[in-house]
Protein backbone atom coordinates (compact mmCIF):
# COMPACT_ATOMS: atom_id res chain seq x y z
CA MET A 1 42.56 -84.75 -99.93
CA SER A 2 42.92 -88.49 -100.36
CA PRO A 3 39.76 -90.65 -100.05
CA ASP A 4 41.46 -92.58 -97.20
CA ALA A 5 41.96 -89.38 -95.18
CA ASN A 6 40.73 -89.56 -91.63
CA ILE A 7 37.49 -87.76 -90.82
CA ILE A 8 38.10 -85.88 -87.57
CA LEU A 9 35.06 -84.63 -85.67
CA ALA A 10 35.92 -81.81 -83.29
CA GLY A 11 33.94 -79.30 -81.28
CA PRO A 12 32.51 -78.81 -77.82
CA MET A 13 31.13 -81.42 -75.45
CA GLY A 14 27.58 -82.29 -76.41
CA ALA A 15 27.96 -81.39 -80.08
CA GLY A 16 27.35 -85.01 -81.10
CA LYS A 17 30.84 -85.98 -82.24
CA THR A 18 30.74 -89.58 -81.03
CA VAL A 19 27.14 -90.37 -81.97
CA ALA A 20 27.44 -88.72 -85.40
CA GLY A 21 30.82 -90.41 -85.78
CA GLU A 22 29.25 -93.83 -85.19
CA ILE A 23 26.76 -93.18 -88.00
CA VAL A 24 29.44 -91.83 -90.36
CA ALA A 25 31.74 -94.78 -89.64
CA GLU A 26 28.96 -97.27 -90.28
CA LYS A 27 27.86 -95.62 -93.54
CA LEU A 28 31.42 -95.37 -94.87
CA GLY A 29 32.59 -98.76 -93.59
CA ARG A 30 35.23 -97.23 -91.32
CA GLN A 31 36.32 -97.73 -87.76
CA LEU A 32 35.39 -95.08 -85.17
CA TRP A 33 38.04 -94.00 -82.70
CA ASP A 34 36.84 -91.92 -79.74
CA THR A 35 39.84 -90.25 -78.14
CA ASP A 36 38.32 -90.03 -74.65
CA ARG A 37 37.53 -93.75 -74.75
CA MET A 38 41.06 -94.46 -75.98
CA ILE A 39 42.54 -92.56 -73.04
CA GLU A 40 40.23 -94.32 -70.58
CA GLU A 41 41.23 -97.72 -71.99
CA GLN A 42 44.93 -96.81 -72.00
CA THR A 43 44.94 -95.58 -68.39
CA GLY A 44 42.22 -97.74 -66.89
CA LEU A 45 40.77 -94.53 -65.43
CA SER A 46 37.70 -92.50 -66.30
CA ILE A 47 38.25 -88.98 -67.58
CA VAL A 48 36.76 -87.67 -64.31
CA ARG A 49 39.30 -89.68 -62.29
CA ILE A 50 42.18 -88.53 -64.49
CA PHE A 51 41.19 -84.91 -63.86
CA SER A 52 40.67 -85.41 -60.11
CA GLU A 53 43.56 -87.78 -59.34
CA ARG A 54 46.14 -86.48 -61.79
CA SER A 55 45.41 -83.15 -63.48
CA GLU A 56 44.02 -81.52 -66.58
CA ALA A 57 47.62 -81.01 -67.76
CA PHE A 58 48.25 -84.75 -67.48
CA PHE A 59 45.07 -85.43 -69.47
CA ARG A 60 46.17 -82.97 -72.17
CA SER A 61 49.54 -84.75 -72.42
CA LEU A 62 47.67 -88.02 -72.97
CA GLU A 63 45.61 -86.33 -75.69
CA ARG A 64 48.83 -85.22 -77.40
CA GLU A 65 50.04 -88.83 -77.50
CA VAL A 66 46.71 -89.94 -78.96
CA VAL A 67 47.08 -87.32 -81.72
CA LYS A 68 50.48 -88.82 -82.59
CA THR A 69 48.82 -92.23 -82.91
CA ILE A 70 45.91 -90.97 -85.01
CA VAL A 71 48.10 -89.24 -87.58
CA ARG A 72 49.86 -92.52 -88.37
CA GLU A 73 46.53 -94.08 -89.36
CA HIS A 74 44.17 -93.66 -92.30
CA ASN A 75 40.56 -94.35 -93.19
CA LEU A 76 39.24 -93.64 -89.68
CA VAL A 77 36.43 -91.57 -88.26
CA VAL A 78 37.76 -89.94 -85.10
CA ALA A 79 35.72 -88.17 -82.42
CA VAL A 80 38.14 -85.98 -80.47
CA GLY A 81 37.64 -84.52 -77.01
CA GLY A 82 36.30 -80.97 -76.80
CA GLY A 83 39.67 -79.48 -75.88
CA MET A 84 41.89 -81.58 -78.10
CA THR A 85 42.07 -79.06 -80.94
CA VAL A 86 42.85 -76.12 -78.65
CA PRO A 87 46.63 -76.65 -78.86
CA LYS A 88 47.61 -75.45 -82.35
CA GLU A 89 50.02 -78.37 -82.83
CA ASN A 90 47.21 -80.89 -82.28
CA LEU A 91 44.93 -79.25 -84.83
CA SER A 92 47.78 -78.83 -87.30
CA ASP A 93 48.80 -82.48 -87.00
CA LEU A 94 45.22 -83.70 -87.35
CA MET A 95 44.71 -81.55 -90.45
CA GLU A 96 47.78 -83.07 -92.13
CA ASN A 97 46.15 -86.44 -92.70
CA GLY A 98 42.51 -85.73 -92.12
CA ILE A 99 39.50 -83.61 -92.82
CA VAL A 100 38.75 -81.81 -89.57
CA ILE A 101 35.10 -80.84 -89.12
CA CYS A 102 33.83 -78.82 -86.17
CA LEU A 103 30.37 -79.73 -84.95
CA MET A 104 28.94 -76.71 -83.16
CA ALA A 105 25.80 -75.84 -81.26
CA SER A 106 24.68 -72.97 -79.05
CA ALA A 107 25.42 -72.98 -75.34
CA GLU A 108 21.71 -73.44 -74.64
CA VAL A 109 21.43 -76.53 -76.85
CA LEU A 110 24.70 -77.99 -75.57
CA ALA A 111 23.62 -77.47 -71.95
CA ASP A 112 20.34 -79.23 -72.66
CA ARG A 113 22.12 -82.18 -74.26
CA LEU A 114 24.72 -82.34 -71.48
CA SER A 115 22.11 -82.18 -68.71
CA LYS A 116 21.49 -85.86 -69.43
CA SER A 117 25.18 -86.70 -69.01
CA CYS A 118 26.98 -87.35 -65.77
CA CYS A 119 30.71 -87.32 -66.05
CA ARG A 120 32.01 -84.05 -67.47
CA PRO A 121 34.86 -82.79 -65.27
CA LEU A 122 34.93 -79.27 -66.69
CA LEU A 123 31.20 -78.79 -66.11
CA MET A 124 31.01 -79.24 -62.38
CA GLY A 125 29.06 -76.34 -60.92
CA ASP A 126 25.65 -74.90 -60.37
CA ASN A 127 24.70 -73.40 -63.71
CA LEU A 128 25.36 -75.77 -66.60
CA GLU A 129 24.51 -73.29 -69.35
CA GLU A 130 26.87 -70.68 -67.86
CA SER A 131 29.66 -73.28 -67.60
CA VAL A 132 29.11 -74.37 -71.21
CA ALA A 133 29.00 -70.75 -72.42
CA LYS A 134 32.27 -69.98 -70.60
CA ILE A 135 34.05 -72.98 -72.17
CA LEU A 136 32.64 -72.12 -75.61
CA ASP A 137 33.85 -68.54 -75.25
CA GLU A 138 37.34 -69.69 -74.18
CA ARG A 139 37.62 -72.21 -77.03
CA LYS A 140 35.95 -70.19 -79.78
CA PRO A 141 39.25 -69.01 -81.33
CA SER A 142 40.41 -72.63 -81.51
CA TYR A 143 37.15 -73.89 -82.99
CA ASP A 144 37.15 -71.02 -85.50
CA ARG A 145 40.51 -72.29 -86.87
CA ILE A 146 38.82 -75.52 -87.96
CA PRO A 147 38.16 -75.29 -91.70
CA PHE A 148 34.76 -76.97 -91.85
CA GLN A 149 31.90 -76.04 -89.53
CA ILE A 150 28.55 -77.74 -89.08
CA GLU A 151 26.07 -75.88 -86.87
CA ASN A 152 23.69 -78.54 -85.57
CA ASP A 153 21.30 -76.76 -83.20
CA ASP A 154 18.38 -77.65 -85.45
CA LEU A 155 19.70 -80.88 -86.98
CA THR A 156 19.04 -84.44 -85.95
CA ILE A 157 22.09 -86.59 -85.36
CA GLU A 158 21.37 -88.35 -88.68
CA GLU A 159 21.28 -84.99 -90.49
CA THR A 160 24.54 -84.00 -88.81
CA ALA A 161 26.17 -87.26 -89.94
CA ALA A 162 24.87 -86.71 -93.49
CA LYS A 163 26.46 -83.24 -93.55
CA VAL A 164 29.77 -84.71 -92.33
CA ILE A 165 29.68 -87.24 -95.18
CA GLU A 166 28.82 -84.45 -97.62
CA VAL A 167 31.89 -82.42 -96.52
CA TYR A 168 34.07 -85.54 -96.75
CA ARG A 169 32.88 -86.31 -100.28
CA GLU A 170 33.32 -82.71 -101.42
CA GLN A 171 36.90 -82.70 -100.09
CA THR A 172 37.89 -86.06 -101.53
CA SER A 173 35.76 -86.14 -104.68
CA ASP A 174 34.59 -89.53 -103.37
CA VAL A 175 31.13 -89.67 -104.89
């Protein structure tokens, strides 16, 4: 893969994609694109409002358009929404010009991390860990298609970012 390939961080909500992405982008002198933020800026609506006022299907169509934008760019670090790589065409397109890395954690760890977050439309309900486990179970086949996996239950965000950079360098021979 070319050294200017995008670094795409995928995986479930709470896996640390954006925060690790910020560190990776800073260390490699790249720009970070967060797809949820891009959609919020484009629509002027929060993700929660998009889900409640429009629909999840509408949100997924916006994600598809963002994928089309990302694949025309290079030298980015991109944190994608937790469901963005579920459609095979999104993952396939992202893999064409980028190194896709799945950050993964257990449902228990993700629930703990997400308990400090407010606005997650797919996690509305009584039992956060059950909701997270259900989403993880549904998306597992999609996440398993991602070629590089970093399990970060026991890693700090800095260690996670370091592992992302390690995968990038191994895949691009950029030492």
